[in-house]
Amino acid sequence: MDEDFYIEGEEKFGAISSHFYNLSKVIPVFRRYNKFVLGDLVSYKVTKVLDIGCGTGNMLLSFSKLNRSASYLGIDPSGEMIKIAIAKARKMGLTGNTEFKQGSSRMIPSESKFEMIYVSMSFHHWKQRNESITYLMNFLKPQGTLNIYELQPQTAFYKRIANSHTMSEEKFTEIGRELNLNSSIKKDKEFIRCSYTQKTE
């Protein structure tokens, strides 16, 4: 069933790769990344949040644990990822305000509007970025924000092998210009966040 949520060329995650992905939180660079993203997320006052490409739910559950008054929906095209995320939510006692469903940036299994939609380290996988962003903006409440978090390109030779899994400020700005959206950038040495909002007249 997973293939219904992927398009040709996008990386797919099955049972084995999903469990491997779940272990990435112990890798130092990802621990620093998680701190960067979570620190930024909790600075927003939100009551309804959508995580696109939530994976095994690490980030969304951490966010939910820190702000239990909000409601959270995490979606991912991988059924195996979703199974792991649901099990984690049950174990952490967060099923009351946090749920996970199969879906994608082109197929949101909800009719709700969100104050924040965010994407954490999955945007670089998307093959139809502009089309997906345009679609997602329809699920934002007025003045809502679409936040995209990624690794920045690295210059050190040994890090260049990972640059296909990164996004640059220039690319984010270009996308915003093409879609006529406001874009705001936050970054540090390794990580970057781009916020897209609708332009007002």
C-alpha atoms as a PDB file:
ATOM      1  CA  MET A   1       0.000   0.000   0.000  1.00  0.00           C
ATOM      2  CA  ASP A   2       2.958   2.346   0.626  1.00  0.00           C
ATOM      3  CA  GLU A   3       3.501   2.886  -3.076  1.00  0.00           C
ATOM      4  CA  ASP A   4       0.198   4.812  -3.237  1.00  0.00           C
ATOM      5  CA  PHE A   5       1.843   7.620  -1.262  1.00  0.00           C
ATOM      6  CA  TYR A   6       5.138   7.798  -3.144  1.00  0.00           C
ATOM      7  CA  ILE A   7       5.939   9.008  -6.622  1.00  0.00           C
ATOM      8  CA  GLU A   8       8.689   7.664  -8.847  1.00  0.00           C
ATOM      9  CA  GLY A   9      12.150   8.591  -7.622  1.00  0.00           C
ATOM     10  CA  GLU A  10      11.260   9.215  -3.984  1.00  0.00           C
ATOM     11  CA  GLU A  11      13.097   7.200  -1.342  1.00  0.00           C
ATOM     12  CA  LYS A  12      10.911   4.520   0.221  1.00  0.00           C
ATOM     13  CA  PHE A  13      11.143   3.204   3.775  1.00  0.00           C
ATOM     14  CA  GLY A  14      10.167  -0.360   4.580  1.00  0.00           C
ATOM     15  CA  ALA A  15      10.361  -2.392   7.788  1.00  0.00           C
ATOM     16  CA  ILE A  16      14.166  -2.580   8.048  1.00  0.00           C
ATOM     17  CA  SER A  17      14.960   0.986   6.981  1.00  0.00           C
ATOM     18  CA  SER A  18      12.212   2.336   9.252  1.00  0.00           C
ATOM     19  CA  HIS A  19      13.777   0.731  12.321  1.00  0.00           C
ATOM     20  CA  PHE A  20      17.231   1.967  11.259  1.00  0.00           C
ATOM     21  CA  TYR A  21      15.823   5.493  10.851  1.00  0.00           C
ATOM     22  CA  ASN A  22      14.419   5.226  14.366  1.00  0.00           C
ATOM     23  CA  LEU A  23      17.961   4.829  15.706  1.00  0.00           C
ATOM     24  CA  SER A  24      19.257   8.013  14.033  1.00  0.00           C
ATOM     25  CA  LYS A  25      18.385  10.073  17.131  1.00  0.00           C
ATOM     26  CA  VAL A  26      21.513   8.734  18.889  1.00  0.00           C
ATOM     27  CA  ILE A  27      23.872  10.061  16.172  1.00  0.00           C
ATOM     28  CA  PRO A  28      25.517  13.326  17.373  1.00  0.00           C
ATOM     29  CA  VAL A  29      24.668  15.454  14.317  1.00  0.00           C
ATOM     30  CA  PHE A  30      21.026  14.412  14.518  1.00  0.00           C
ATOM     31  CA  ARG A  31      20.913  15.089  18.242  1.00  0.00           C
ATOM     32  CA  ARG A  32      22.136  18.634  17.512  1.00  0.00           C
ATOM     33  CA  TYR A  33      19.624  18.910  14.690  1.00  0.00           C
ATOM     34  CA  ASN A  34      16.753  17.780  16.909  1.00  0.00           C
ATOM     35  CA  LYS A  35      17.720  20.415  19.490  1.00  0.00           C
ATOM     36  CA  PHE A  36      17.739  23.112  16.779  1.00  0.00           C
ATOM     37  CA  VAL A  37      14.320  22.121  15.426  1.00  0.00           C
ATOM     38  CA  LEU A  38      12.579  21.529  18.744  1.00  0.00           C
ATOM     39  CA  GLY A  39      13.916  24.788  20.169  1.00  0.00           C
ATOM     40  CA  ASP A  40      12.456  26.625  17.194  1.00  0.00           C
ATOM     41  CA  LEU A  41       9.107  24.802  17.235  1.00  0.00           C
ATOM     42  CA  VAL A  42       8.364  25.546  20.887  1.00  0.00           C
ATOM     43  CA  SER A  43       8.893  29.271  20.276  1.00  0.00           C
ATOM     44  CA  TYR A  44       5.570  29.311  18.372  1.00  0.00           C
ATOM     45  CA  LYS A  45       2.204  29.594  20.112  1.00  0.00           C
ATOM     46  CA  VAL A  46       0.108  26.951  18.382  1.00  0.00           C
ATOM     47  CA  THR A  47      -2.910  24.791  19.140  1.00  0.00           C
ATOM     48  CA  LYS A  48      -3.007  22.613  16.004  1.00  0.00           C
ATOM     49  CA  VAL A  49       0.093  21.214  14.272  1.00  0.00           C
ATOM     50  CA  LEU A  50       0.742  19.016  11.228  1.00  0.00           C
ATOM     51  CA  ASP A  51       4.049  17.196  10.710  1.00  0.00           C
ATOM     52  CA  ILE A  52       4.684  16.131   7.096  1.00  0.00           C
ATOM     53  CA  GLY A  53       7.063  13.173   6.748  1.00  0.00           C
ATOM     54  CA  CYS A  54       6.975  12.498  10.476  1.00  0.00           C
ATOM     55  CA  GLY A  55       8.935   9.264  10.197  1.00  0.00           C
ATOM     56  CA  THR A  56       8.801   7.286  13.431  1.00  0.00           C
ATOM     57  CA  GLY A  57       7.432  10.284  15.305  1.00  0.00           C
ATOM     58  CA  ASN A  58      10.467  11.386  17.325  1.00  0.00           C
ATOM     59  CA  MET A  59      10.138  15.110  16.685  1.00  0.00           C
ATOM     60  CA  LEU A  60       6.359  15.357  16.870  1.00  0.00           C
ATOM     61  CA  LEU A  61       6.171  13.378  20.115  1.00  0.00           C
ATOM     62  CA  SER A  62       8.885  15.540  21.675  1.00  0.00           C
ATOM     63  CA  PHE A  63       6.932  18.644  20.641  1.00  0.00           C
ATOM     64  CA  SER A  64       3.684  17.157  21.953  1.00  0.00           C
ATOM     65  CA  LYS A  65       5.273  16.296  25.295  1.00  0.00           C
ATOM     66  CA  LEU A  66       6.362  19.918  25.767  1.00  0.00           C
ATOM     67  CA  ASN A  67       2.994  21.417  24.786  1.00  0.00           C
ATOM     68  CA  ARG A  68       0.198  19.032  25.721  1.00  0.00           C
ATOM     69  CA  SER A  69      -2.503  21.668  25.241  1.00  0.00           C
ATOM     70  CA  ALA A  70      -2.150  21.510  21.450  1.00  0.00           C
ATOM     71  CA  SER A  71      -3.287  18.760  19.052  1.00  0.00           C
ATOM     72  CA  TYR A  72      -0.874  17.091  16.648  1.00  0.00           C
ATOM     73  CA  LEU A  73      -1.123  15.054  13.467  1.00  0.00           C
ATOM     74  CA  GLY A  74       1.877  13.326  11.945  1.00  0.00           C
ATOM     75  CA  ILE A  75       1.749  11.809   8.473  1.00  0.00           C
ATOM     76  CA  ASP A  76       4.231   9.754   6.495  1.00  0.00           C
ATOM     77  CA  PRO A  77       4.029   7.717   3.271  1.00  0.00           C
ATOM     78  CA  SER A  78       5.620   4.729   5.017  1.00  0.00           C
ATOM     79  CA  GLY A  79       3.166   2.446   6.767  1.00  0.00           C
ATOM     80  CA  GLU A  80       6.030   0.908   8.730  1.00  0.00           C
ATOM     81  CA  MET A  81       7.087   4.325  10.042  1.00  0.00           C
ATOM     82  CA  ILE A  82       3.523   5.060  11.126  1.00  0.00           C
ATOM     83  CA  LYS A  83       3.236   1.754  13.001  1.00  0.00           C
ATOM     84  CA  ILE A  84       6.347   2.608  15.018  1.00  0.00           C
ATOM     85  CA  ALA A  85       5.135   6.154  15.695  1.00  0.00           C
ATOM     86  CA  ILE A  86       1.735   4.933  16.942  1.00  0.00           C
ATOM     87  CA  ALA A  87       3.406   2.440  19.289  1.00  0.00           C
ATOM     88  CA  LYS A  88       5.614   5.207  20.689  1.00  0.00           C
ATOM     89  CA  ALA A  89       2.646   7.524  21.270  1.00  0.00           C
ATOM     90  CA  ARG A  90       0.861   4.783  23.204  1.00  0.00           C
ATOM     91  CA  LYS A  91       3.922   4.060  25.317  1.00  0.00           C
ATOM     92  CA  MET A  92       4.359   7.768  26.116  1.00  0.00           C
ATOM     93  CA  GLY A  93       0.676   8.294  26.906  1.00  0.00           C
ATOM     94  CA  LEU A  94       0.251  10.896  24.167  1.00  0.00           C
ATOM     95  CA  THR A  95      -2.542   9.346  22.115  1.00  0.00           C
ATOM     96  CA  GLY A  96      -5.053  11.818  23.526  1.00  0.00           C
ATOM     97  CA  ASN A  97      -3.658  14.764  21.570  1.00  0.00           C
ATOM     98  CA  THR A  98      -1.318  13.157  19.026  1.00  0.00           C
ATOM     99  CA  GLU A  99      -2.183  10.869  16.123  1.00  0.00           C
ATOM    100  CA  PHE A 100      -0.371   9.420  13.142  1.00  0.00           C
ATOM    101  CA  LYS A 101      -1.731   8.509   9.719  1.00  0.00           C
ATOM    102  CA  GLN A 102      -0.395   7.433   6.365  1.00  0.00           C
ATOM    103  CA  GLY A 103      -0.272  10.248   3.831  1.00  0.00           C
ATOM    104  CA  SER A 104       2.091  12.530   1.978  1.00  0.00           C
ATOM    105  CA  SER A 105       2.776  16.123   1.008  1.00  0.00           C
ATOM    106  CA  ARG A 106       0.316  15.564  -1.856  1.00  0.00           C
ATOM    107  CA  MET A 107      -2.324  13.637   0.107  1.00  0.00           C
ATOM    108  CA  ILE A 108      -3.290  14.979   3.541  1.00  0.00           C
ATOM    109  CA  PRO A 109      -5.739  12.627   5.326  1.00  0.00           C
ATOM    110  CA  SER A 110      -7.514  15.481   7.095  1.00  0.00           C
ATOM    111  CA  GLU A 111      -9.839  18.391   6.355  1.00  0.00           C
ATOM    112  CA  SER A 112      -8.510  20.462   9.271  1.00  0.00           C
ATOM    113  CA  LYS A 113      -6.659  23.754   9.131  1.00  0.00           C
ATOM    114  CA  PHE A 114      -3.409  24.133  11.068  1.00  0.00           C
ATOM    115  CA  GLU A 115      -1.568  27.058  12.603  1.00  0.00           C
ATOM    116  CA  MET A 116       1.683  25.340  11.789  1.00  0.00           C
ATOM    117  CA  ILE A 117       2.689  22.750   9.239  1.00  0.00           C
ATOM    118  CA  TYR A 118       6.287  21.650   9.453  1.00  0.00           C
ATOM    119  CA  VAL A 119       8.615  19.363   7.549  1.00  0.00           C
ATOM    120  CA  SER A 120      11.687  17.970   9.284  1.00  0.00           C
ATOM    121  CA  MET A 121      14.463  16.550   7.134  1.00  0.00           C
ATOM    122  CA  SER A 122      12.220  15.079   4.458  1.00  0.00           C
ATOM    123  CA  PHE A 123      11.774  18.012   2.074  1.00  0.00           C
ATOM    124  CA  HIS A 124      14.970  17.109   0.189  1.00  0.00           C
ATOM    125  CA  HIS A 125      13.281  13.815  -0.799  1.00  0.00           C
ATOM    126  CA  TRP A 126      10.305  15.497  -2.459  1.00  0.00           C
ATOM    127  CA  LYS A 127      10.148  15.324  -6.246  1.00  0.00           C
ATOM    128  CA  GLN A 128       7.304  17.848  -6.642  1.00  0.00           C
ATOM    129  CA  ARG A 129       8.319  20.524  -4.151  1.00  0.00           C
ATOM    130  CA  ASN A 130       6.523  23.538  -5.582  1.00  0.00           C
ATOM    131  CA  GLU A 131       3.326  21.608  -6.228  1.00  0.00           C
ATOM    132  CA  SER A 132       3.390  20.146  -2.722  1.00  0.00           C
ATOM    133  CA  ILE A 133       3.975  23.517  -1.042  1.00  0.00           C
ATOM    134  CA  THR A 134       1.091  25.055  -2.989  1.00  0.00           C
ATOM    135  CA  TYR A 135      -1.138  22.170  -1.862  1.00  0.00           C
ATOM    136  CA  LEU A 136      -0.047  22.414   1.776  1.00  0.00           C
ATOM    137  CA  MET A 137      -0.684  26.146   2.012  1.00  0.00           C
ATOM    138  CA  ASN A 138      -4.391  25.322   1.630  1.00  0.00           C
ATOM    139  CA  PHE A 139      -4.282  23.558   5.003  1.00  0.00           C
ATOM    140  CA  LEU A 140      -2.970  26.574   6.920  1.00  0.00           C
ATOM    141  CA  LYS A 141      -5.153  28.858   8.994  1.00  0.00           C
ATOM    142  CA  PRO A 142      -4.891  32.598   8.202  1.00  0.00           C
ATOM    143  CA  GLN A 143      -1.403  33.782   9.219  1.00  0.00           C
ATOM    144  CA  GLY A 144      -0.377  30.129   9.529  1.00  0.00           C
ATOM    145  CA  THR A 145       3.214  29.083   8.879  1.00  0.00           C
ATOM    146  CA  LEU A 146       4.855  26.327   6.857  1.00  0.00           C
ATOM    147  CA  ASN A 147       8.257  25.604   8.397  1.00  0.00           C
ATOM    148  CA  ILE A 148      10.811  23.447   6.586  1.00  0.00           C
ATOM    149  CA  TYR A 149      13.857  22.210   8.508  1.00  0.00           C
ATOM    150  CA  GLU A 150      16.898  20.728   6.789  1.00  0.00           C
ATOM    151  CA  LEU A 151      20.654  20.283   6.941  1.00  0.00           C
ATOM    152  CA  GLN A 152      22.669  22.960   5.145  1.00  0.00           C
ATOM    153  CA  PRO A 153      25.189  22.017   2.431  1.00  0.00           C
ATOM    154  CA  GLN A 154      28.646  21.390   3.915  1.00  0.00           C
ATOM    155  CA  THR A 155      31.960  22.374   2.338  1.00  0.00           C
ATOM    156  CA  ALA A 156      34.230  19.795   3.980  1.00  0.00           C
ATOM    157  CA  PHE A 157      35.085  17.087   1.467  1.00  0.00           C
ATOM    158  CA  TYR A 158      33.914  14.163   3.614  1.00  0.00           C
ATOM    159  CA  LYS A 159      30.546  15.873   4.127  1.00  0.00           C
ATOM    160  CA  ARG A 160      29.867  16.448   0.451  1.00  0.00           C
ATOM    161  CA  ILE A 161      28.559  12.937   0.058  1.00  0.00           C
ATOM    162  CA  ALA A 162      25.552  14.026   2.155  1.00  0.00           C
ATOM    163  CA  ASN A 163      24.848  17.219   0.221  1.00  0.00           C
ATOM    164  CA  SER A 164      22.134  15.552  -1.823  1.00  0.00           C
ATOM    165  CA  HIS A 165      20.232  15.438   1.489  1.00  0.00           C
ATOM    166  CA  THR A 166      20.505  19.186   2.162  1.00  0.00           C
ATOM    167  CA  MET A 167      18.822  22.462   1.239  1.00  0.00           C
ATOM    168  CA  SER A 168      20.408  25.901   0.804  1.00  0.00           C
ATOM    169  CA  GLU A 169      19.093  29.354   1.649  1.00  0.00           C
ATOM    170  CA  GLU A 170      19.299  30.273  -2.046  1.00  0.00           C
ATOM    171  CA  LYS A 171      17.093  27.341  -3.056  1.00  0.00           C
ATOM    172  CA  PHE A 172      14.501  28.101  -0.389  1.00  0.00           C
ATOM    173  CA  THR A 173      14.398  31.760  -1.428  1.00  0.00           C
ATOM    174  CA  GLU A 174      14.018  30.789  -5.080  1.00  0.00           C
ATOM    175  CA  ILE A 175      11.040  28.553  -4.276  1.00  0.00           C
ATOM    176  CA  GLY A 176       9.363  31.337  -2.303  1.00  0.00           C
ATOM    177  CA  ARG A 177       9.836  33.743  -5.191  1.00  0.00           C
ATOM    178  CA  GLU A 178       8.424  31.249  -7.708  1.00  0.00           C
ATOM    179  CA  LEU A 179       5.331  30.655  -5.558  1.00  0.00           C
ATOM    180  CA  ASN A 180       4.888  34.297  -4.515  1.00  0.00           C
ATOM    181  CA  LEU A 181       5.236  33.470  -0.813  1.00  0.00           C
ATOM    182  CA  ASN A 182       6.963  35.296   2.016  1.00  0.00           C
ATOM    183  CA  SER A 183      10.057  33.406   3.111  1.00  0.00           C
ATOM    184  CA  SER A 184      12.047  33.783   6.308  1.00  0.00           C
ATOM    185  CA  ILE A 185      15.317  31.991   7.024  1.00  0.00           C
ATOM    186  CA  LYS A 186      16.877  30.892  10.307  1.00  0.00           C
ATOM    187  CA  LYS A 187      20.126  28.935  10.336  1.00  0.00           C
ATOM    188  CA  ASP A 188      23.259  27.969  12.186  1.00  0.00           C
ATOM    189  CA  LYS A 189      26.443  26.277  10.988  1.00  0.00           C
ATOM    190  CA  GLU A 190      24.771  22.981  10.124  1.00  0.00           C
ATOM    191  CA  PHE A 191      21.021  23.499   9.972  1.00  0.00           C
ATOM    192  CA  ILE A 192      18.471  25.722   8.311  1.00  0.00           C
ATOM    193  CA  ARG A 193      14.795  26.569   8.692  1.00  0.00           C
ATOM    194  CA  CYS A 194      12.696  28.290   6.051  1.00  0.00           C
ATOM    195  CA  SER A 195       9.268  29.649   6.975  1.00  0.00           C
ATOM    196  CA  TYR A 196       6.741  30.258   4.205  1.00  0.00           C
ATOM    197  CA  THR A 197       3.641  32.403   4.721  1.00  0.00           C
ATOM    198  CA  GLN A 198       1.043  33.811   2.382  1.00  0.00           C
ATOM    199  CA  LYS A 199       1.537  37.367   1.182  1.00  0.00           C
ATOM    200  CA  THR A 200      -1.179  39.784   2.281  1.00  0.00           C
ATOM    201  CA  GLU A 201      -2.544  42.542   0.078  1.00  0.00           C
END
